[in-house]
ModelCIF file with pLDDT and N, C-alpha, C, O atoms, coordinates in Angstrom:
data_MODEL
#
_entry.id   MODEL 
#
_entity.id                         1 
_entity.type                       polymer 
_entity.pdbx_number_of_molecules   1 
#
_entity_poly.entity_id                      1 
_entity_poly.type                           'polypeptide(L)' 
_entity_poly.nstd_linkage                   no 
_entity_poly.nstd_monomer                   no 
_entity_poly.pdbx_seq_one_letter_code       SGSTNYQDSVKGRFTISRDNAKNTVFLQMNSLKSEDTAVYYCY 
_entity_poly.pdbx_seq_one_letter_code_can   SGSTNYQDSVKGRFTISRDNAKNTVFLQMNSLKSEDTAVYYCY 
_entity_poly.pdbx_strand_id                 A 
#
loop_
_entity_poly_seq.entity_id 
_entity_poly_seq.num 
_entity_poly_seq.mon_id 
_entity_poly_seq.hetero 
1 1  SER n 
1 2  GLY n 
1 3  SER n 
1 4  THR n 
1 5  ASN n 
1 6  TYR n 
1 7  GLN n 
1 8  ASP n 
1 9  SER n 
1 10 VAL n 
1 11 LYS n 
1 12 GLY n 
1 13 ARG n 
1 14 PHE n 
1 15 THR n 
1 16 ILE n 
1 17 SER n 
1 18 ARG n 
1 19 ASP n 
1 20 ASN n 
1 21 ALA n 
1 22 LYS n 
1 23 ASN n 
1 24 THR n 
1 25 VAL n 
1 26 PHE n 
1 27 LEU n 
1 28 GLN n 
1 29 MET n 
1 30 ASN n 
1 31 SER n 
1 32 LEU n 
1 33 LYS n 
1 34 SER n 
1 35 GLU n 
1 36 ASP n 
1 37 THR n 
1 38 ALA n 
1 39 VAL n 
1 40 TYR n 
1 41 TYR n 
1 42 CYS n 
1 43 TYR n 
#
_struct_asym.id          A 
_struct_asym.entity_id   1 
#
loop_
_ma_qa_metric.id 
_ma_qa_metric.mode 
_ma_qa_metric.name 
_ma_qa_metric.software_group_id 
_ma_qa_metric.type 
1 global pLDDT . pLDDT 
2 local  pLDDT . pLDDT 
#
_ma_qa_metric_global.metric_id      1 
_ma_qa_metric_global.metric_value   96.14 
_ma_qa_metric_global.model_id       1 
_ma_qa_metric_global.ordinal_id     1 
#
loop_
_ma_qa_metric_local.label_asym_id 
_ma_qa_metric_local.label_comp_id 
_ma_qa_metric_local.label_seq_id 
_ma_qa_metric_local.metric_id 
_ma_qa_metric_local.metric_value 
_ma_qa_metric_local.model_id 
_ma_qa_metric_local.ordinal_id 
A SER 1  2 91.00 1 1  
A GLY 2  2 93.00 1 2  
A SER 3  2 96.00 1 3  
A THR 4  2 98.00 1 4  
A ASN 5  2 98.00 1 5  
A TYR 6  2 98.00 1 6  
A GLN 7  2 97.00 1 7  
A ASP 8  2 97.00 1 8  
A SER 9  2 97.00 1 9  
A VAL 10 2 98.00 1 10 
A LYS 11 2 98.00 1 11 
A GLY 12 2 97.00 1 12 
A ARG 13 2 98.00 1 13 
A PHE 14 2 98.00 1 14 
A THR 15 2 98.00 1 15 
A ILE 16 2 98.00 1 16 
A SER 17 2 97.00 1 17 
A ARG 18 2 95.00 1 18 
A ASP 19 2 92.00 1 19 
A ASN 20 2 84.00 1 20 
A ALA 21 2 86.00 1 21 
A LYS 22 2 88.00 1 22 
A ASN 23 2 90.00 1 23 
A THR 24 2 95.00 1 24 
A VAL 25 2 97.00 1 25 
A PHE 26 2 98.00 1 26 
A LEU 27 2 98.00 1 27 
A GLN 28 2 98.00 1 28 
A MET 29 2 98.00 1 29 
A ASN 30 2 98.00 1 30 
A SER 31 2 98.00 1 31 
A LEU 32 2 98.00 1 32 
A LYS 33 2 98.00 1 33 
A SER 34 2 97.00 1 34 
A GLU 35 2 96.00 1 35 
A ASP 36 2 98.00 1 36 
A THR 37 2 98.00 1 37 
A ALA 38 2 98.00 1 38 
A VAL 39 2 98.00 1 39 
A TYR 40 2 98.00 1 40 
A TYR 41 2 98.00 1 41 
A CYS 42 2 98.00 1 42 
A TYR 43 2 97.00 1 43 
#
loop_
_atom_site.group_PDB 
_atom_site.id 
_atom_site.type_symbol 
_atom_site.label_atom_id 
_atom_site.label_alt_id 
_atom_site.label_comp_id 
_atom_site.label_asym_id 
_atom_site.label_entity_id 
_atom_site.label_seq_id 
_atom_site.pdbx_PDB_ins_code 
_atom_site.Cartn_x 
_atom_site.Cartn_y 
_atom_site.Cartn_z 
_atom_site.occupancy 
_atom_site.B_iso_or_equiv 
_atom_site.pdbx_formal_charge 
_atom_site.auth_seq_id 
_atom_site.auth_comp_id 
_atom_site.auth_asym_id 
_atom_site.auth_atom_id 
_atom_site.pdbx_PDB_model_num 
ATOM 1   N N  . SER A 1 1  ? -51.712 5.517  -64.054 1.00 91.00 ? 1  SER A N  1 
ATOM 2   C CA . SER A 1 1  ? -51.495 4.872  -65.149 1.00 91.00 ? 1  SER A CA 1 
ATOM 3   C C  . SER A 1 1  ? -50.094 4.706  -65.044 1.00 91.00 ? 1  SER A C  1 
ATOM 4   O O  . SER A 1 1  ? -50.199 5.717  -65.739 1.00 91.00 ? 1  SER A O  1 
ATOM 5   N N  . GLY A 1 2  ? -49.198 4.530  -64.929 1.00 93.00 ? 2  GLY A N  1 
ATOM 6   C CA . GLY A 1 2  ? -47.438 4.606  -64.856 1.00 93.00 ? 2  GLY A CA 1 
ATOM 7   C C  . GLY A 1 2  ? -46.639 5.173  -65.382 1.00 93.00 ? 2  GLY A C  1 
ATOM 8   O O  . GLY A 1 2  ? -45.424 4.976  -65.384 1.00 93.00 ? 2  GLY A O  1 
ATOM 9   N N  . SER A 1 3  ? -47.573 6.368  -66.165 1.00 96.00 ? 3  SER A N  1 
ATOM 10  C CA . SER A 1 3  ? -46.377 7.224  -66.892 1.00 96.00 ? 3  SER A CA 1 
ATOM 11  C C  . SER A 1 3  ? -45.177 7.859  -65.265 1.00 96.00 ? 3  SER A C  1 
ATOM 12  O O  . SER A 1 3  ? -45.381 7.675  -64.066 1.00 96.00 ? 3  SER A O  1 
ATOM 13  N N  . THR A 1 4  ? -44.061 8.563  -65.929 1.00 98.00 ? 4  THR A N  1 
ATOM 14  C CA . THR A 1 4  ? -43.251 8.977  -65.508 1.00 98.00 ? 4  THR A CA 1 
ATOM 15  C C  . THR A 1 4  ? -42.963 10.508 -66.127 1.00 98.00 ? 4  THR A C  1 
ATOM 16  O O  . THR A 1 4  ? -43.343 10.968 -67.204 1.00 98.00 ? 4  THR A O  1 
ATOM 17  N N  . ASN A 1 5  ? -42.192 11.115 -65.115 1.00 98.00 ? 5  ASN A N  1 
ATOM 18  C CA . ASN A 1 5  ? -41.236 12.737 -65.809 1.00 98.00 ? 5  ASN A CA 1 
ATOM 19  C C  . ASN A 1 5  ? -40.264 13.321 -64.589 1.00 98.00 ? 5  ASN A C  1 
ATOM 20  O O  . ASN A 1 5  ? -40.681 13.569 -63.458 1.00 98.00 ? 5  ASN A O  1 
ATOM 21  N N  . TYR A 1 6  ? -39.464 13.422 -64.847 1.00 98.00 ? 6  TYR A N  1 
ATOM 22  C CA . TYR A 1 6  ? -38.479 13.696 -64.048 1.00 98.00 ? 6  TYR A CA 1 
ATOM 23  C C  . TYR A 1 6  ? -37.977 15.630 -64.578 1.00 98.00 ? 6  TYR A C  1 
ATOM 24  O O  . TYR A 1 6  ? -38.320 16.414 -65.463 1.00 98.00 ? 6  TYR A O  1 
ATOM 25  N N  . GLN A 1 7  ? -37.240 15.635 -63.678 1.00 97.00 ? 7  GLN A N  1 
ATOM 26  C CA . GLN A 1 7  ? -37.165 17.311 -63.530 1.00 97.00 ? 7  GLN A CA 1 
ATOM 27  C C  . GLN A 1 7  ? -35.468 16.821 -64.517 1.00 97.00 ? 7  GLN A C  1 
ATOM 28  O O  . GLN A 1 7  ? -34.695 15.944 -64.132 1.00 97.00 ? 7  GLN A O  1 
ATOM 29  N N  . ASP A 1 8  ? -35.298 17.606 -65.681 1.00 97.00 ? 8  ASP A N  1 
ATOM 30  C CA . ASP A 1 8  ? -34.035 16.995 -66.336 1.00 97.00 ? 8  ASP A CA 1 
ATOM 31  C C  . ASP A 1 8  ? -32.485 16.919 -65.418 1.00 97.00 ? 8  ASP A C  1 
ATOM 32  O O  . ASP A 1 8  ? -31.514 16.217 -65.703 1.00 97.00 ? 8  ASP A O  1 
ATOM 33  N N  . SER A 1 9  ? -32.590 17.638 -64.540 1.00 97.00 ? 9  SER A N  1 
ATOM 34  C CA . SER A 1 9  ? -31.022 17.752 -63.797 1.00 97.00 ? 9  SER A CA 1 
ATOM 35  C C  . SER A 1 9  ? -30.599 16.404 -63.208 1.00 97.00 ? 9  SER A C  1 
ATOM 36  O O  . SER A 1 9  ? -29.457 16.013 -62.965 1.00 97.00 ? 9  SER A O  1 
ATOM 37  N N  . VAL A 1 10 ? -32.188 15.555 -62.969 1.00 98.00 ? 10 VAL A N  1 
ATOM 38  C CA . VAL A 1 10 ? -31.739 14.421 -62.123 1.00 98.00 ? 10 VAL A CA 1 
ATOM 39  C C  . VAL A 1 10 ? -32.471 13.002 -63.706 1.00 98.00 ? 10 VAL A C  1 
ATOM 40  O O  . VAL A 1 10 ? -33.134 11.965 -63.737 1.00 98.00 ? 10 VAL A O  1 
ATOM 41  N N  . LYS A 1 11 ? -32.185 13.377 -64.111 1.00 98.00 ? 11 LYS A N  1 
ATOM 42  C CA . LYS A 1 11 ? -32.510 12.242 -65.614 1.00 98.00 ? 11 LYS A CA 1 
ATOM 43  C C  . LYS A 1 11 ? -31.573 11.224 -66.144 1.00 98.00 ? 11 LYS A C  1 
ATOM 44  O O  . LYS A 1 11 ? -30.592 11.491 -66.837 1.00 98.00 ? 11 LYS A O  1 
ATOM 45  N N  . GLY A 1 12 ? -31.918 10.112 -65.795 1.00 97.00 ? 12 GLY A N  1 
ATOM 46  C CA . GLY A 1 12 ? -30.835 9.403  -66.084 1.00 97.00 ? 12 GLY A CA 1 
ATOM 47  C C  . GLY A 1 12 ? -29.937 8.808  -64.379 1.00 97.00 ? 12 GLY A C  1 
ATOM 48  O O  . GLY A 1 12 ? -29.271 7.826  -64.049 1.00 97.00 ? 12 GLY A O  1 
ATOM 49  N N  . ARG A 1 13 ? -30.408 10.010 -63.734 1.00 98.00 ? 13 ARG A N  1 
ATOM 50  C CA . ARG A 1 13 ? -29.812 9.601  -62.259 1.00 98.00 ? 13 ARG A CA 1 
ATOM 51  C C  . ARG A 1 13 ? -30.729 9.067  -61.342 1.00 98.00 ? 13 ARG A C  1 
ATOM 52  O O  . ARG A 1 13 ? -30.454 8.255  -60.459 1.00 98.00 ? 13 ARG A O  1 
ATOM 53  N N  . PHE A 1 14 ? -31.898 9.585  -61.599 1.00 98.00 ? 14 PHE A N  1 
ATOM 54  C CA . PHE A 1 14 ? -33.131 8.579  -60.467 1.00 98.00 ? 14 PHE A CA 1 
ATOM 55  C C  . PHE A 1 14 ? -34.051 8.485  -61.504 1.00 98.00 ? 14 PHE A C  1 
ATOM 56  O O  . PHE A 1 14 ? -34.278 9.026  -62.587 1.00 98.00 ? 14 PHE A O  1 
ATOM 57  N N  . THR A 1 15 ? -34.797 7.034  -60.330 1.00 98.00 ? 15 THR A N  1 
ATOM 58  C CA . THR A 1 15 ? -35.640 6.537  -60.944 1.00 98.00 ? 15 THR A CA 1 
ATOM 59  C C  . THR A 1 15 ? -37.044 6.444  -59.991 1.00 98.00 ? 15 THR A C  1 
ATOM 60  O O  . THR A 1 15 ? -36.985 6.021  -58.836 1.00 98.00 ? 15 THR A O  1 
ATOM 61  N N  . ILE A 1 16 ? -38.141 6.830  -60.532 1.00 98.00 ? 16 ILE A N  1 
ATOM 62  C CA . ILE A 1 16 ? -38.848 6.464  -59.606 1.00 98.00 ? 16 ILE A CA 1 
ATOM 63  C C  . ILE A 1 16 ? -40.058 5.585  -59.595 1.00 98.00 ? 16 ILE A C  1 
ATOM 64  O O  . ILE A 1 16 ? -40.925 5.959  -60.386 1.00 98.00 ? 16 ILE A O  1 
ATOM 65  N N  . SER A 1 17 ? -40.373 4.383  -58.818 1.00 97.00 ? 17 SER A N  1 
ATOM 66  C CA . SER A 1 17 ? -41.129 3.098  -59.167 1.00 97.00 ? 17 SER A CA 1 
ATOM 67  C C  . SER A 1 17 ? -42.614 3.649  -57.893 1.00 97.00 ? 17 SER A C  1 
ATOM 68  O O  . SER A 1 17 ? -43.161 4.624  -57.379 1.00 97.00 ? 17 SER A O  1 
ATOM 69  N N  . ARG A 1 18 ? -42.619 2.526  -57.954 1.00 95.00 ? 18 ARG A N  1 
ATOM 70  C CA . ARG A 1 18 ? -44.362 2.068  -56.653 1.00 95.00 ? 18 ARG A CA 1 
ATOM 71  C C  . ARG A 1 18 ? -43.702 0.499  -56.543 1.00 95.00 ? 18 ARG A C  1 
ATOM 72  O O  . ARG A 1 18 ? -42.708 -0.143 -56.883 1.00 95.00 ? 18 ARG A O  1 
ATOM 73  N N  . ASP A 1 19 ? -44.936 0.370  -55.848 1.00 92.00 ? 19 ASP A N  1 
ATOM 74  C CA . ASP A 1 19 ? -45.228 -0.860 -55.061 1.00 92.00 ? 19 ASP A CA 1 
ATOM 75  C C  . ASP A 1 19 ? -46.386 -0.920 -54.654 1.00 92.00 ? 19 ASP A C  1 
ATOM 76  O O  . ASP A 1 19 ? -46.605 -0.945 -53.443 1.00 92.00 ? 19 ASP A O  1 
ATOM 77  N N  . ASN A 1 20 ? -47.293 -0.953 -55.480 1.00 84.00 ? 20 ASN A N  1 
ATOM 78  C CA . ASN A 1 20 ? -48.860 -1.190 -56.001 1.00 84.00 ? 20 ASN A CA 1 
ATOM 79  C C  . ASN A 1 20 ? -49.221 -1.371 -54.667 1.00 84.00 ? 20 ASN A C  1 
ATOM 80  O O  . ASN A 1 20 ? -49.759 -0.530 -53.948 1.00 84.00 ? 20 ASN A O  1 
ATOM 81  N N  . ALA A 1 21 ? -48.874 -2.598 -54.348 1.00 86.00 ? 21 ALA A N  1 
ATOM 82  C CA . ALA A 1 21 ? -49.683 -3.952 -53.104 1.00 86.00 ? 21 ALA A CA 1 
ATOM 83  C C  . ALA A 1 21 ? -48.965 -3.037 -51.735 1.00 86.00 ? 21 ALA A C  1 
ATOM 84  O O  . ALA A 1 21 ? -49.307 -3.090 -50.554 1.00 86.00 ? 21 ALA A O  1 
ATOM 85  N N  . LYS A 1 22 ? -48.243 -2.491 -52.148 1.00 88.00 ? 22 LYS A N  1 
ATOM 86  C CA . LYS A 1 22 ? -47.757 -1.836 -50.066 1.00 88.00 ? 22 LYS A CA 1 
ATOM 87  C C  . LYS A 1 22 ? -48.122 -0.530 -50.403 1.00 88.00 ? 22 LYS A C  1 
ATOM 88  O O  . LYS A 1 22 ? -47.889 0.103  -49.373 1.00 88.00 ? 22 LYS A O  1 
ATOM 89  N N  . ASN A 1 23 ? -48.574 0.274  -51.272 1.00 90.00 ? 23 ASN A N  1 
ATOM 90  C CA . ASN A 1 23 ? -48.490 1.771  -51.573 1.00 90.00 ? 23 ASN A CA 1 
ATOM 91  C C  . ASN A 1 23 ? -47.721 2.555  -51.205 1.00 90.00 ? 23 ASN A C  1 
ATOM 92  O O  . ASN A 1 23 ? -47.806 3.316  -50.241 1.00 90.00 ? 23 ASN A O  1 
ATOM 93  N N  . THR A 1 24 ? -46.847 2.421  -52.003 1.00 95.00 ? 24 THR A N  1 
ATOM 94  C CA . THR A 1 24 ? -45.399 2.857  -51.973 1.00 95.00 ? 24 THR A CA 1 
ATOM 95  C C  . THR A 1 24 ? -44.754 3.551  -53.094 1.00 95.00 ? 24 THR A C  1 
ATOM 96  O O  . THR A 1 24 ? -45.075 3.348  -54.265 1.00 95.00 ? 24 THR A O  1 
ATOM 97  N N  . VAL A 1 25 ? -44.250 4.005  -52.890 1.00 97.00 ? 25 VAL A N  1 
ATOM 98  C CA . VAL A 1 25 ? -43.578 4.922  -53.812 1.00 97.00 ? 25 VAL A CA 1 
ATOM 99  C C  . VAL A 1 25 ? -42.446 5.168  -53.127 1.00 97.00 ? 25 VAL A C  1 
ATOM 100 O O  . VAL A 1 25 ? -42.210 5.437  -51.949 1.00 97.00 ? 25 VAL A O  1 
ATOM 101 N N  . PHE A 1 26 ? -41.433 4.942  -54.625 1.00 98.00 ? 26 PHE A N  1 
ATOM 102 C CA . PHE A 1 26 ? -39.521 5.079  -53.957 1.00 98.00 ? 26 PHE A CA 1 
ATOM 103 C C  . PHE A 1 26 ? -38.931 5.667  -54.846 1.00 98.00 ? 26 PHE A C  1 
ATOM 104 O O  . PHE A 1 26 ? -39.265 5.287  -55.969 1.00 98.00 ? 26 PHE A O  1 
ATOM 105 N N  . LEU A 1 27 ? -37.825 6.816  -54.801 1.00 98.00 ? 27 LEU A N  1 
ATOM 106 C CA . LEU A 1 27 ? -37.294 7.119  -55.629 1.00 98.00 ? 27 LEU A CA 1 
ATOM 107 C C  . LEU A 1 27 ? -35.485 6.757  -55.335 1.00 98.00 ? 27 LEU A C  1 
ATOM 108 O O  . LEU A 1 27 ? -34.856 7.102  -54.334 1.00 98.00 ? 27 LEU A O  1 
ATOM 109 N N  . GLN A 1 28 ? -35.019 6.088  -56.355 1.00 98.00 ? 28 GLN A N  1 
ATOM 110 C CA . GLN A 1 28 ? -33.754 5.765  -56.303 1.00 98.00 ? 28 GLN A CA 1 
ATOM 111 C C  . GLN A 1 28 ? -33.052 6.715  -56.735 1.00 98.00 ? 28 GLN A C  1 
ATOM 112 O O  . GLN A 1 28 ? -33.488 7.454  -57.618 1.00 98.00 ? 28 GLN A O  1 
ATOM 113 N N  . MET A 1 29 ? -31.819 6.879  -56.190 1.00 98.00 ? 29 MET A N  1 
ATOM 114 C CA . MET A 1 29 ? -30.979 7.931  -56.682 1.00 98.00 ? 29 MET A CA 1 
ATOM 115 C C  . MET A 1 29 ? -29.437 7.374  -56.927 1.00 98.00 ? 29 MET A C  1 
ATOM 116 O O  . MET A 1 29 ? -28.519 7.048  -56.174 1.00 98.00 ? 29 MET A O  1 
ATOM 117 N N  . ASN A 1 30 ? -29.605 7.425  -58.246 1.00 98.00 ? 30 ASN A N  1 
ATOM 118 C CA . ASN A 1 30 ? -27.948 7.110  -58.199 1.00 98.00 ? 30 ASN A CA 1 
ATOM 119 C C  . ASN A 1 30 ? -27.112 8.468  -59.050 1.00 98.00 ? 30 ASN A C  1 
ATOM 120 O O  . ASN A 1 30 ? -27.669 9.351  -59.702 1.00 98.00 ? 30 ASN A O  1 
ATOM 121 N N  . SER A 1 31 ? -25.599 8.304  -58.800 1.00 98.00 ? 31 SER A N  1 
ATOM 122 C CA . SER A 1 31 ? -24.439 9.390  -59.462 1.00 98.00 ? 31 SER A CA 1 
ATOM 123 C C  . SER A 1 31 ? -24.863 10.757 -58.312 1.00 98.00 ? 31 SER A C  1 
ATOM 124 O O  . SER A 1 31 ? -24.944 11.936 -58.659 1.00 98.00 ? 31 SER A O  1 
ATOM 125 N N  . LEU A 1 32 ? -25.025 10.383 -57.311 1.00 98.00 ? 32 LEU A N  1 
ATOM 126 C CA . LEU A 1 32 ? -25.390 11.967 -56.458 1.00 98.00 ? 32 LEU A CA 1 
ATOM 127 C C  . LEU A 1 32 ? -24.422 12.442 -56.245 1.00 98.00 ? 32 LEU A C  1 
ATOM 128 O O  . LEU A 1 32 ? -23.282 12.099 -55.930 1.00 98.00 ? 32 LEU A O  1 
ATOM 129 N N  . LYS A 1 33 ? -25.385 13.996 -56.601 1.00 98.00 ? 33 LYS A N  1 
ATOM 130 C CA . LYS A 1 33 ? -23.993 15.136 -56.426 1.00 98.00 ? 33 LYS A CA 1 
ATOM 131 C C  . LYS A 1 33 ? -23.948 16.413 -55.686 1.00 98.00 ? 33 LYS A C  1 
ATOM 132 O O  . LYS A 1 33 ? -25.008 16.975 -55.959 1.00 98.00 ? 33 LYS A O  1 
ATOM 133 N N  . SER A 1 34 ? -23.604 16.784 -55.288 1.00 97.00 ? 34 SER A N  1 
ATOM 134 C CA . SER A 1 34 ? -23.705 18.384 -54.018 1.00 97.00 ? 34 SER A CA 1 
ATOM 135 C C  . SER A 1 34 ? -25.122 19.259 -54.189 1.00 97.00 ? 34 SER A C  1 
ATOM 136 O O  . SER A 1 34 ? -25.764 19.679 -53.226 1.00 97.00 ? 34 SER A O  1 
ATOM 137 N N  . GLU A 1 35 ? -25.518 19.472 -55.684 1.00 96.00 ? 35 GLU A N  1 
ATOM 138 C CA . GLU A 1 35 ? -26.669 19.661 -56.024 1.00 96.00 ? 35 GLU A CA 1 
ATOM 139 C C  . GLU A 1 35 ? -28.291 18.844 -55.611 1.00 96.00 ? 35 GLU A C  1 
ATOM 140 O O  . GLU A 1 35 ? -29.407 19.315 -55.827 1.00 96.00 ? 35 GLU A O  1 
ATOM 141 N N  . ASP A 1 36 ? -28.033 17.809 -55.113 1.00 98.00 ? 36 ASP A N  1 
ATOM 142 C CA . ASP A 1 36 ? -29.120 17.425 -54.623 1.00 98.00 ? 36 ASP A CA 1 
ATOM 143 C C  . ASP A 1 36 ? -29.065 17.501 -53.400 1.00 98.00 ? 36 ASP A C  1 
ATOM 144 O O  . ASP A 1 36 ? -29.911 16.907 -52.731 1.00 98.00 ? 36 ASP A O  1 
ATOM 145 N N  . THR A 1 37 ? -28.225 18.126 -52.893 1.00 98.00 ? 37 THR A N  1 
ATOM 146 C CA . THR A 1 37 ? -28.448 18.462 -51.289 1.00 98.00 ? 37 THR A CA 1 
ATOM 147 C C  . THR A 1 37 ? -30.299 18.994 -51.030 1.00 98.00 ? 37 THR A C  1 
ATOM 148 O O  . THR A 1 37 ? -30.435 19.933 -51.815 1.00 98.00 ? 37 THR A O  1 
ATOM 149 N N  . ALA A 1 38 ? -31.015 18.877 -50.641 1.00 98.00 ? 38 ALA A N  1 
ATOM 150 C CA . ALA A 1 38 ? -32.183 18.794 -50.437 1.00 98.00 ? 38 ALA A CA 1 
ATOM 151 C C  . ALA A 1 38 ? -33.155 18.279 -49.266 1.00 98.00 ? 38 ALA A C  1 
ATOM 152 O O  . ALA A 1 38 ? -32.716 17.226 -48.803 1.00 98.00 ? 38 ALA A O  1 
ATOM 153 N N  . VAL A 1 39 ? -34.377 18.713 -48.630 1.00 98.00 ? 39 VAL A N  1 
ATOM 154 C CA . VAL A 1 39 ? -35.154 18.036 -47.550 1.00 98.00 ? 39 VAL A CA 1 
ATOM 155 C C  . VAL A 1 39 ? -36.408 17.702 -49.306 1.00 98.00 ? 39 VAL A C  1 
ATOM 156 O O  . VAL A 1 39 ? -37.120 18.391 -50.036 1.00 98.00 ? 39 VAL A O  1 
ATOM 157 N N  . TYR A 1 40 ? -35.961 16.151 -49.188 1.00 98.00 ? 40 TYR A N  1 
ATOM 158 C CA . TYR A 1 40 ? -37.173 15.742 -50.613 1.00 98.00 ? 40 TYR A CA 1 
ATOM 159 C C  . TYR A 1 40 ? -38.693 15.262 -49.353 1.00 98.00 ? 40 TYR A C  1 
ATOM 160 O O  . TYR A 1 40 ? -38.772 14.915 -48.174 1.00 98.00 ? 40 TYR A O  1 
ATOM 161 N N  . TYR A 1 41 ? -39.353 15.437 -50.129 1.00 98.00 ? 41 TYR A N  1 
ATOM 162 C CA . TYR A 1 41 ? -40.928 15.575 -49.884 1.00 98.00 ? 41 TYR A CA 1 
ATOM 163 C C  . TYR A 1 41 ? -41.613 14.768 -50.622 1.00 98.00 ? 41 TYR A C  1 
ATOM 164 O O  . TYR A 1 41 ? -41.356 14.921 -51.816 1.00 98.00 ? 41 TYR A O  1 
ATOM 165 N N  . CYS A 1 42 ? -42.443 13.904 -50.383 1.00 98.00 ? 42 CYS A N  1 
ATOM 166 C CA . CYS A 1 42 ? -43.282 12.770 -50.991 1.00 98.00 ? 42 CYS A CA 1 
ATOM 167 C C  . CYS A 1 42 ? -44.865 13.931 -51.613 1.00 98.00 ? 42 CYS A C  1 
ATOM 168 O O  . CYS A 1 42 ? -45.177 15.047 -51.197 1.00 98.00 ? 42 CYS A O  1 
ATOM 169 N N  . TYR A 1 43 ? -45.315 13.364 -52.335 1.00 97.00 ? 43 TYR A N  1 
ATOM 170 C CA . TYR A 1 43 ? -46.649 13.496 -52.137 1.00 97.00 ? 43 TYR A CA 1 
ATOM 171 C C  . TYR A 1 43 ? -47.368 13.486 -53.211 1.00 97.00 ? 43 TYR A C  1 
ATOM 172 O O  . TYR A 1 43 ? -48.592 13.600 -53.135 1.00 97.00 ? 43 TYR A O  1 
#
């Protein structure tokens, strides 16, 4: 439906979006911090 939810630590810095025509989801990550270091998994 387009509703979004974020972990508190990334609110205001990360944005999730989608391109339905391409069946693709994006995660724009700004103001990155060392604590953001991780393996990121799409689900």
